[in-house]
Amino acid sequence: MIFQDSFEAQIKGLFGYNKVLKASYSYKLLENCCMNDYLKQSNGKYPDWNVQEQAGDWPAEIKVKHSELMNKSLKRKQGKGRREVSQ
């Protein structure tokens, strides 16, 4: 695996660019810049749909649907019929 040293960069958020001193190639950095922009615009309040950052719990109907989806996934036929790649 190839690694990239951290670097200084201007990272685009929701409402402009953010100076980041130790940037790297990571989706988390972009997510953090967008979240910081949102928090500035909303006086520190997370969006209603951002349950994880609010340390909240999903509504019961969502948890039931998620459970059904996971059970369906476990019961499906495994394997994609992939074949070995010859060299």
PDB file of N, CA and C in Angstrom:
ATOM      1  N   MET A   1       0.841  -1.169   0.000  1.00  0.00           N
ATOM      2  CA  MET A   1       0.000   0.000   0.000  1.00  0.00           C
ATOM      3  C   MET A   1       0.886   1.232   0.000  1.00  0.00           C
ATOM      4  N   ILE A   2       0.490   2.241  -0.743  1.00  0.00           N
ATOM      5  CA  ILE A   2       1.235   3.489  -0.820  1.00  0.00           C
ATOM      6  C   ILE A   2       0.577   4.506   0.100  1.00  0.00           C
ATOM      7  N   PHE A   3       1.374   5.174   0.909  1.00  0.00           N
ATOM      8  CA  PHE A   3       0.861   6.185   1.823  1.00  0.00           C
ATOM      9  C   PHE A   3       1.324   7.560   1.379  1.00  0.00           C
ATOM     10  N   GLN A   4       0.531   8.560   1.666  1.00  0.00           N
ATOM     11  CA  GLN A   4       0.859   9.946   1.360  1.00  0.00           C
ATOM     12  C   GLN A   4       1.054  10.689   2.673  1.00  0.00           C
ATOM     13  N   ASP A   5       2.171  11.413   2.783  1.00  0.00           N
ATOM     14  CA  ASP A   5       2.382  12.244   3.966  1.00  0.00           C
ATOM     15  C   ASP A   5       1.291  13.309   4.038  1.00  0.00           C
ATOM     16  N   SER A   6       0.985  13.757   5.251  1.00  0.00           N
ATOM     17  CA  SER A   6       0.016  14.835   5.424  1.00  0.00           C
ATOM     18  C   SER A   6       0.555  16.113   4.792  1.00  0.00           C
ATOM     19  N   PHE A   7      -0.353  16.998   4.400  1.00  0.00           N
ATOM     20  CA  PHE A   7       0.042  18.228   3.734  1.00  0.00           C
ATOM     21  C   PHE A   7      -0.956  19.335   4.084  1.00  0.00           C
ATOM     22  N   GLU A   8      -0.546  20.591   3.885  1.00  0.00           N
ATOM     23  CA  GLU A   8      -1.438  21.727   4.113  1.00  0.00           C
ATOM     24  C   GLU A   8      -2.284  21.936   2.870  1.00  0.00           C
ATOM     25  N   ALA A   9      -3.589  22.176   3.057  1.00  0.00           N
ATOM     26  CA  ALA A   9      -4.469  22.316   1.903  1.00  0.00           C
ATOM     27  C   ALA A   9      -5.686  23.160   2.237  1.00  0.00           C
ATOM     28  N   GLN A  10      -6.337  23.648   1.203  1.00  0.00           N
ATOM     29  CA  GLN A  10      -7.630  24.310   1.309  1.00  0.00           C
ATOM     30  C   GLN A  10      -8.667  23.267   0.884  1.00  0.00           C
ATOM     31  N   ILE A  11      -9.507  22.843   1.816  1.00  0.00           N
ATOM     32  CA  ILE A  11     -10.486  21.791   1.552  1.00  0.00           C
ATOM     33  C   ILE A  11     -11.864  22.425   1.433  1.00  0.00           C
ATOM     34  N   LYS A  12     -12.569  22.064   0.364  1.00  0.00           N
ATOM     35  CA  LYS A  12     -13.892  22.637   0.122  1.00  0.00           C
ATOM     36  C   LYS A  12     -14.913  22.033   1.071  1.00  0.00           C
ATOM     37  N   GLY A  13     -15.666  22.909   1.735  1.00  0.00           N
ATOM     38  CA  GLY A  13     -16.763  22.483   2.591  1.00  0.00           C
ATOM     39  C   GLY A  13     -18.084  22.856   1.940  1.00  0.00           C
ATOM     40  N   LEU A  14     -19.111  23.059   2.719  1.00  0.00           N
ATOM     41  CA  LEU A  14     -20.419  23.422   2.173  1.00  0.00           C
ATOM     42  C   LEU A  14     -20.465  24.858   1.682  1.00  0.00           C
ATOM     43  N   PHE A  15     -19.759  25.759   2.368  1.00  0.00           N
ATOM     44  CA  PHE A  15     -19.891  27.186   2.076  1.00  0.00           C
ATOM     45  C   PHE A  15     -18.571  27.856   1.747  1.00  0.00           C
ATOM     46  N   GLY A  16     -17.604  27.122   1.280  1.00  0.00           N
ATOM     47  CA  GLY A  16     -16.319  27.705   0.937  1.00  0.00           C
ATOM     48  C   GLY A  16     -15.193  26.762   1.318  1.00  0.00           C
ATOM     49  N   TYR A  17     -14.003  27.325   1.398  1.00  0.00           N
ATOM     50  CA  TYR A  17     -12.820  26.511   1.671  1.00  0.00           C
ATOM     51  C   TYR A  17     -12.384  26.636   3.124  1.00  0.00           C
ATOM     52  N   ASN A  18     -11.803  25.549   3.627  1.00  0.00           N
ATOM     53  CA  ASN A  18     -11.294  25.487   4.995  1.00  0.00           C
ATOM     54  C   ASN A  18      -9.805  25.186   4.936  1.00  0.00           C
ATOM     55  N   LYS A  19      -9.003  25.957   5.651  1.00  0.00           N
ATOM     56  CA  LYS A  19      -7.566  25.691   5.705  1.00  0.00           C
ATOM     57  C   LYS A  19      -7.333  24.529   6.669  1.00  0.00           C
ATOM     58  N   VAL A  20      -6.680  23.502   6.188  1.00  0.00           N
ATOM     59  CA  VAL A  20      -6.383  22.316   6.988  1.00  0.00           C
ATOM     60  C   VAL A  20      -4.871  22.127   6.988  1.00  0.00           C
ATOM     61  N   LEU A  21      -4.277  22.115   8.172  1.00  0.00           N
ATOM     62  CA  LEU A  21      -2.821  22.025   8.271  1.00  0.00           C
ATOM     63  C   LEU A  21      -2.294  20.613   8.031  1.00  0.00           C
ATOM     64  N   LYS A  22      -3.045  19.618   8.461  1.00  0.00           N
ATOM     65  CA  LYS A  22      -2.593  18.229   8.278  1.00  0.00           C
ATOM     66  C   LYS A  22      -3.639  17.461   7.474  1.00  0.00           C
ATOM     67  N   ALA A  23      -3.732  17.799   6.204  1.00  0.00           N
ATOM     68  CA  ALA A  23      -4.693  17.145   5.316  1.00  0.00           C
ATOM     69  C   ALA A  23      -4.129  15.805   4.836  1.00  0.00           C
ATOM     70  N   SER A  24      -5.022  14.952   4.431  1.00  0.00           N
ATOM     71  CA  SER A  24      -4.640  13.678   3.834  1.00  0.00           C
ATOM     72  C   SER A  24      -5.746  13.286   2.872  1.00  0.00           C
ATOM     73  N   TYR A  25      -5.543  12.244   2.123  1.00  0.00           N
ATOM     74  CA  TYR A  25      -6.571  11.779   1.195  1.00  0.00           C
ATOM     75  C   TYR A  25      -7.548  10.906   1.967  1.00  0.00           C
ATOM     76  N   SER A  26      -8.594  11.530   2.477  1.00  0.00           N
ATOM     77  CA  SER A  26      -9.528  10.820   3.335  1.00  0.00           C
ATOM     78  C   SER A  26     -10.928  11.429   3.191  1.00  0.00           C
ATOM     79  N   TYR A  27     -11.935  10.572   3.039  1.00  0.00           N
ATOM     80  CA  TYR A  27     -13.315  11.048   2.984  1.00  0.00           C
ATOM     81  C   TYR A  27     -13.694  11.735   4.297  1.00  0.00           C
ATOM     82  N   LYS A  28     -13.092  11.303   5.386  1.00  0.00           N
ATOM     83  CA  LYS A  28     -13.434  11.835   6.703  1.00  0.00           C
ATOM     84  C   LYS A  28     -13.097  13.322   6.791  1.00  0.00           C
ATOM     85  N   LEU A  29     -12.021  13.725   6.163  1.00  0.00           N
ATOM     86  CA  LEU A  29     -11.627  15.127   6.154  1.00  0.00           C
ATOM     87  C   LEU A  29     -12.691  15.972   5.450  1.00  0.00           C
ATOM     88  N   LEU A  30     -13.175  15.513   4.306  1.00  0.00           N
ATOM     89  CA  LEU A  30     -14.228  16.233   3.593  1.00  0.00           C
ATOM     90  C   LEU A  30     -15.506  16.285   4.416  1.00  0.00           C
ATOM     91  N   GLU A  31     -15.847  15.164   5.041  1.00  0.00           N
ATOM     92  CA  GLU A  31     -17.041  15.108   5.890  1.00  0.00           C
ATOM     93  C   GLU A  31     -16.924  16.107   7.040  1.00  0.00           C
ATOM     94  N   ASN A  32     -15.766  16.158   7.676  1.00  0.00           N
ATOM     95  CA  ASN A  32     -15.560  17.074   8.803  1.00  0.00           C
ATOM     96  C   ASN A  32     -15.673  18.529   8.368  1.00  0.00           C
ATOM     97  N   CYS A  33     -15.128  18.875   7.198  1.00  0.00           N
ATOM     98  CA  CYS A  33     -15.224  20.258   6.716  1.00  0.00           C
ATOM     99  C   CYS A  33     -16.680  20.635   6.465  1.00  0.00           C
ATOM    100  N   CYS A  34     -17.444  19.737   5.851  1.00  0.00           N
ATOM    101  CA  CYS A  34     -18.864  20.011   5.602  1.00  0.00           C
ATOM    102  C   CYS A  34     -19.622  20.137   6.919  1.00  0.00           C
ATOM    103  N   MET A  35     -19.329  19.256   7.871  1.00  0.00           N
ATOM    104  CA  MET A  35     -20.023  19.298   9.152  1.00  0.00           C
ATOM    105  C   MET A  35     -19.691  20.589   9.899  1.00  0.00           C
ATOM    106  N   ASN A  36     -18.435  21.011   9.877  1.00  0.00           N
ATOM    107  CA  ASN A  36     -18.046  22.262  10.540  1.00  0.00           C
ATOM    108  C   ASN A  36     -18.764  23.457   9.921  1.00  0.00           C
ATOM    109  N   ASP A  37     -18.865  23.491   8.586  1.00  0.00           N
ATOM    110  CA  ASP A  37     -19.595  24.566   7.919  1.00  0.00           C
ATOM    111  C   ASP A  37     -21.054  24.571   8.355  1.00  0.00           C
ATOM    112  N   TYR A  38     -21.663  23.398   8.405  1.00  0.00           N
ATOM    113  CA  TYR A  38     -23.070  23.306   8.800  1.00  0.00           C
ATOM    114  C   TYR A  38     -23.269  23.806  10.229  1.00  0.00           C
ATOM    115  N   LEU A  39     -22.380  23.377  11.129  1.00  0.00           N
ATOM    116  CA  LEU A  39     -22.501  23.776  12.531  1.00  0.00           C
ATOM    117  C   LEU A  39     -22.365  25.289  12.705  1.00  0.00           C
ATOM    118  N   LYS A  40     -21.504  25.909  11.910  1.00  0.00           N
ATOM    119  CA  LYS A  40     -21.350  27.364  11.976  1.00  0.00           C
ATOM    120  C   LYS A  40     -22.643  28.062  11.549  1.00  0.00           C
ATOM    121  N   GLN A  41     -23.293  27.543  10.513  1.00  0.00           N
ATOM    122  CA  GLN A  41     -24.516  28.161   9.988  1.00  0.00           C
ATOM    123  C   GLN A  41     -25.723  27.897  10.884  1.00  0.00           C
ATOM    124  N   SER A  42     -25.678  26.817  11.656  1.00  0.00           N
ATOM    125  CA  SER A  42     -26.852  26.425  12.452  1.00  0.00           C
ATOM    126  C   SER A  42     -26.651  26.668  13.950  1.00  0.00           C
ATOM    127  N   ASN A  43     -25.679  27.519  14.285  1.00  0.00           N
ATOM    128  CA  ASN A  43     -25.383  27.820  15.694  1.00  0.00           C
ATOM    129  C   ASN A  43     -25.072  26.567  16.512  1.00  0.00           C
ATOM    130  N   GLY A  44     -24.314  25.663  15.935  1.00  0.00           N
ATOM    131  CA  GLY A  44     -23.856  24.481  16.657  1.00  0.00           C
ATOM    132  C   GLY A  44     -24.848  23.342  16.739  1.00  0.00           C
ATOM    133  N   LYS A  45     -25.953  23.426  16.003  1.00  0.00           N
ATOM    134  CA  LYS A  45     -26.959  22.365  16.043  1.00  0.00           C
ATOM    135  C   LYS A  45     -26.765  21.424  14.857  1.00  0.00           C
ATOM    136  N   TYR A  46     -26.677  20.134  15.152  1.00  0.00           N
ATOM    137  CA  TYR A  46     -26.557  19.137  14.084  1.00  0.00           C
ATOM    138  C   TYR A  46     -27.874  19.006  13.338  1.00  0.00           C
ATOM    139  N   PRO A  47     -27.837  18.574  12.075  1.00  0.00           N
ATOM    140  CA  PRO A  47     -29.080  18.350  11.340  1.00  0.00           C
ATOM    141  C   PRO A  47     -29.916  17.258  12.011  1.00  0.00           C
ATOM    142  N   ASP A  48     -31.229  17.333  11.886  1.00  0.00           N
ATOM    143  CA  ASP A  48     -32.117  16.344  12.507  1.00  0.00           C
ATOM    144  C   ASP A  48     -31.789  14.928  12.059  1.00  0.00           C
ATOM    145  N   TRP A  49     -31.393  14.765  10.791  1.00  0.00           N
ATOM    146  CA  TRP A  49     -31.128  13.431  10.255  1.00  0.00           C
ATOM    147  C   TRP A  49     -29.782  12.874  10.714  1.00  0.00           C
ATOM    148  N   ASN A  50     -28.950  13.681  11.344  1.00  0.00           N
ATOM    149  CA  ASN A  50     -27.628  13.231  11.753  1.00  0.00           C
ATOM    150  C   ASN A  50     -27.698  12.647  13.162  1.00  0.00           C
ATOM    151  N   VAL A  51     -28.277  11.476  13.255  1.00  0.00           N
ATOM    152  CA  VAL A  51     -28.561  10.830  14.538  1.00  0.00           C
ATOM    153  C   VAL A  51     -27.279  10.454  15.277  1.00  0.00           C
ATOM    154  N   GLN A  52     -26.291   9.960  14.559  1.00  0.00           N
ATOM    155  CA  GLN A  52     -25.063   9.473  15.198  1.00  0.00           C
ATOM    156  C   GLN A  52     -24.353  10.567  15.997  1.00  0.00           C
ATOM    157  N   GLU A  53     -24.163  11.746  15.382  1.00  0.00           N
ATOM    158  CA  GLU A  53     -23.460  12.822  16.075  1.00  0.00           C
ATOM    159  C   GLU A  53     -24.248  13.363  17.259  1.00  0.00           C
ATOM    160  N   GLN A  54     -25.560  13.187  17.244  1.00  0.00           N
ATOM    161  CA  GLN A  54     -26.393  13.653  18.344  1.00  0.00           C
ATOM    162  C   GLN A  54     -26.507  12.608  19.449  1.00  0.00           C
ATOM    163  N   ALA A  55     -25.824  11.489  19.285  1.00  0.00           N
ATOM    164  CA  ALA A  55     -25.892  10.370  20.234  1.00  0.00           C
ATOM    165  C   ALA A  55     -27.341   9.951  20.453  1.00  0.00           C
ATOM    166  N   GLY A  56     -28.102   9.996  19.357  1.00  0.00           N
ATOM    167  CA  GLY A  56     -29.517   9.624  19.428  1.00  0.00           C
ATOM    168  C   GLY A  56     -29.746   8.188  19.001  1.00  0.00           C
ATOM    169  N   ASP A  57     -31.011   7.838  18.917  1.00  0.00           N
ATOM    170  CA  ASP A  57     -31.407   6.495  18.524  1.00  0.00           C
ATOM    171  C   ASP A  57     -32.356   6.606  17.346  1.00  0.00           C
ATOM    172  N   TRP A  58     -32.254   5.665  16.419  1.00  0.00           N
ATOM    173  CA  TRP A  58     -33.141   5.661  15.264  1.00  0.00           C
ATOM    174  C   TRP A  58     -34.569   5.350  15.706  1.00  0.00           C
ATOM    175  N   PRO A  59     -35.569   5.857  14.962  1.00  0.00           N
ATOM    176  CA  PRO A  59     -36.956   5.501  15.254  1.00  0.00           C
ATOM    177  C   PRO A  59     -37.165   3.991  15.118  1.00  0.00           C
ATOM    178  N   ALA A  60     -38.130   3.459  15.854  1.00  0.00           N
ATOM    179  CA  ALA A  60     -38.379   2.016  15.884  1.00  0.00           C
ATOM    180  C   ALA A  60     -38.628   1.452  14.484  1.00  0.00           C
ATOM    181  N   GLU A  61     -39.388   2.158  13.658  1.00  0.00           N
ATOM    182  CA  GLU A  61     -39.693   1.634  12.319  1.00  0.00           C
ATOM    183  C   GLU A  61     -38.435   1.486  11.469  1.00  0.00           C
ATOM    184  N   ILE A  62     -37.477   2.365  11.634  1.00  0.00           N
ATOM    185  CA  ILE A  62     -36.218   2.272  10.894  1.00  0.00           C
ATOM    186  C   ILE A  62     -35.417   1.074  11.397  1.00  0.00           C
ATOM    187  N   LYS A  63     -35.377   0.884  12.715  1.00  0.00           N
ATOM    188  CA  LYS A  63     -34.639  -0.252  13.270  1.00  0.00           C
ATOM    189  C   LYS A  63     -35.242  -1.576  12.809  1.00  0.00           C
ATOM    190  N   VAL A  64     -36.574  -1.651  12.724  1.00  0.00           N
ATOM    191  CA  VAL A  64     -37.240  -2.878  12.261  1.00  0.00           C
ATOM    192  C   VAL A  64     -36.876  -3.152  10.799  1.00  0.00           C
ATOM    193  N   LYS A  65     -36.958  -2.129   9.952  1.00  0.00           N
ATOM    194  CA  LYS A  65     -36.617  -2.289   8.527  1.00  0.00           C
ATOM    195  C   LYS A  65     -35.155  -2.692   8.359  1.00  0.00           C
ATOM    196  N   HIS A  66     -34.268  -2.099   9.152  1.00  0.00           N
ATOM    197  CA  HIS A  66     -32.853  -2.460   9.082  1.00  0.00           C
ATOM    198  C   HIS A  66     -32.655  -3.923   9.458  1.00  0.00           C
ATOM    199  N   SER A  67     -33.328  -4.364  10.501  1.00  0.00           N
ATOM    200  CA  SER A  67     -33.236  -5.751  10.932  1.00  0.00           C
ATOM    201  C   SER A  67     -33.742  -6.694   9.841  1.00  0.00           C
ATOM    202  N   GLU A  68     -34.860  -6.329   9.207  1.00  0.00           N
ATOM    203  CA  GLU A  68     -35.396  -7.149   8.113  1.00  0.00           C
ATOM    204  C   GLU A  68     -34.412  -7.235   6.960  1.00  0.00           C
ATOM    205  N   LEU A  69     -33.790  -6.133   6.627  1.00  0.00           N
ATOM    206  CA  LEU A  69     -32.805  -6.103   5.549  1.00  0.00           C
ATOM    207  C   LEU A  69     -31.603  -6.980   5.873  1.00  0.00           C
ATOM    208  N   MET A  70     -31.120  -6.906   7.112  1.00  0.00           N
ATOM    209  CA  MET A  70     -29.975  -7.724   7.507  1.00  0.00           C
ATOM    210  C   MET A  70     -30.327  -9.222   7.467  1.00  0.00           C
ATOM    211  N   ASN A  71     -31.514  -9.579   7.930  1.00  0.00           N
ATOM    212  CA  ASN A  71     -31.939 -10.983   7.897  1.00  0.00           C
ATOM    213  C   ASN A  71     -32.072 -11.480   6.466  1.00  0.00           C
ATOM    214  N   LYS A  72     -32.614 -10.650   5.599  1.00  0.00           N
ATOM    215  CA  LYS A  72     -32.750 -11.020   4.185  1.00  0.00           C
ATOM    216  C   LYS A  72     -31.370 -11.240   3.567  1.00  0.00           C
ATOM    217  N   SER A  73     -30.433 -10.394   3.923  1.00  0.00           N
ATOM    218  CA  SER A  73     -29.068 -10.510   3.415  1.00  0.00           C
ATOM    219  C   SER A  73     -28.419 -11.816   3.862  1.00  0.00           C
ATOM    220  N   LEU A  74     -28.648 -12.213   5.114  1.00  0.00           N
ATOM    221  CA  LEU A  74     -28.064 -13.453   5.628  1.00  0.00           C
ATOM    222  C   LEU A  74     -28.639 -14.687   4.944  1.00  0.00           C
ATOM    223  N   LYS A  75     -29.888 -14.610   4.512  1.00  0.00           N
ATOM    224  CA  LYS A  75     -30.572 -15.768   3.924  1.00  0.00           C
ATOM    225  C   LYS A  75     -30.337 -15.929   2.428  1.00  0.00           C
ATOM    226  N   ARG A  76     -29.817 -14.897   1.774  1.00  0.00           N
ATOM    227  CA  ARG A  76     -29.638 -14.999   0.322  1.00  0.00           C
ATOM    228  C   ARG A  76     -28.507 -15.961  -0.009  1.00  0.00           C
ATOM    229  N   LYS A  77     -28.558 -16.447  -1.223  1.00  0.00           N
ATOM    230  CA  LYS A  77     -27.541 -17.377  -1.695  1.00  0.00           C
ATOM    231  C   LYS A  77     -26.185 -16.678  -1.710  1.00  0.00           C
ATOM    232  N   GLN A  78     -25.209 -17.319  -1.122  1.00  0.00           N
ATOM    233  CA  GLN A  78     -23.875 -16.738  -1.057  1.00  0.00           C
ATOM    234  C   GLN A  78     -23.108 -17.036  -2.334  1.00  0.00           C
ATOM    235  N   GLY A  79     -22.168 -16.200  -2.624  1.00  0.00           N
ATOM    236  CA  GLY A  79     -21.330 -16.395  -3.806  1.00  0.00           C
ATOM    237  C   GLY A  79     -21.936 -15.683  -4.998  1.00  0.00           C
ATOM    238  N   LYS A  80     -21.107 -15.163  -5.802  1.00  0.00           N
ATOM    239  CA  LYS A  80     -21.560 -14.397  -6.963  1.00  0.00           C
ATOM    240  C   LYS A  80     -21.290 -15.151  -8.241  1.00  0.00           C
ATOM    241  N   GLY A  81     -20.851 -16.398  -8.142  1.00  0.00           N
ATOM    242  CA  GLY A  81     -20.532 -17.149  -9.345  1.00  0.00           C
ATOM    243  C   GLY A  81     -19.263 -16.631 -10.003  1.00  0.00           C
ATOM    244  N   ARG A  82     -18.409 -16.044  -9.206  1.00  0.00           N
ATOM    245  CA  ARG A  82     -17.162 -15.513  -9.755  1.00  0.00           C
ATOM    246  C   ARG A  82     -16.212 -16.649 -10.076  1.00  0.00           C
ATOM    247  N   ARG A  83     -15.407 -16.407 -11.071  1.00  0.00           N
ATOM    248  CA  ARG A  83     -14.424 -17.421 -11.458  1.00  0.00           C
ATOM    249  C   ARG A  83     -13.022 -16.904 -11.171  1.00  0.00           C
ATOM    250  N   GLU A  84     -12.104 -17.816 -11.071  1.00  0.00           N
ATOM    251  CA  GLU A  84     -10.722 -17.451 -10.800  1.00  0.00           C
ATOM    252  C   GLU A  84     -10.137 -16.737 -12.016  1.00  0.00           C
ATOM    253  N   VAL A  85      -9.352 -15.707 -11.746  1.00  0.00           N
ATOM    254  CA  VAL A  85      -8.697 -14.970 -12.830  1.00  0.00           C
ATOM    255  C   VAL A  85      -7.403 -15.677 -13.164  1.00  0.00           C
ATOM    256  N   SER A  86      -7.259 -16.034 -14.441  1.00  0.00           N
ATOM    257  CA  SER A  86      -6.017 -16.708 -14.856  1.00  0.00           C
ATOM    258  C   SER A  86      -4.956 -15.668 -15.174  1.00  0.00           C
ATOM    259  N   GLN A  87      -3.714 -16.053 -14.979  1.00  0.00           N
ATOM    260  CA  GLN A  87      -2.615 -15.107 -15.231  1.00  0.00           C
ATOM    261  C   GLN A  87      -1.871 -15.455 -16.471  1.00  0.00           C
TER     262      GLN A  87
END
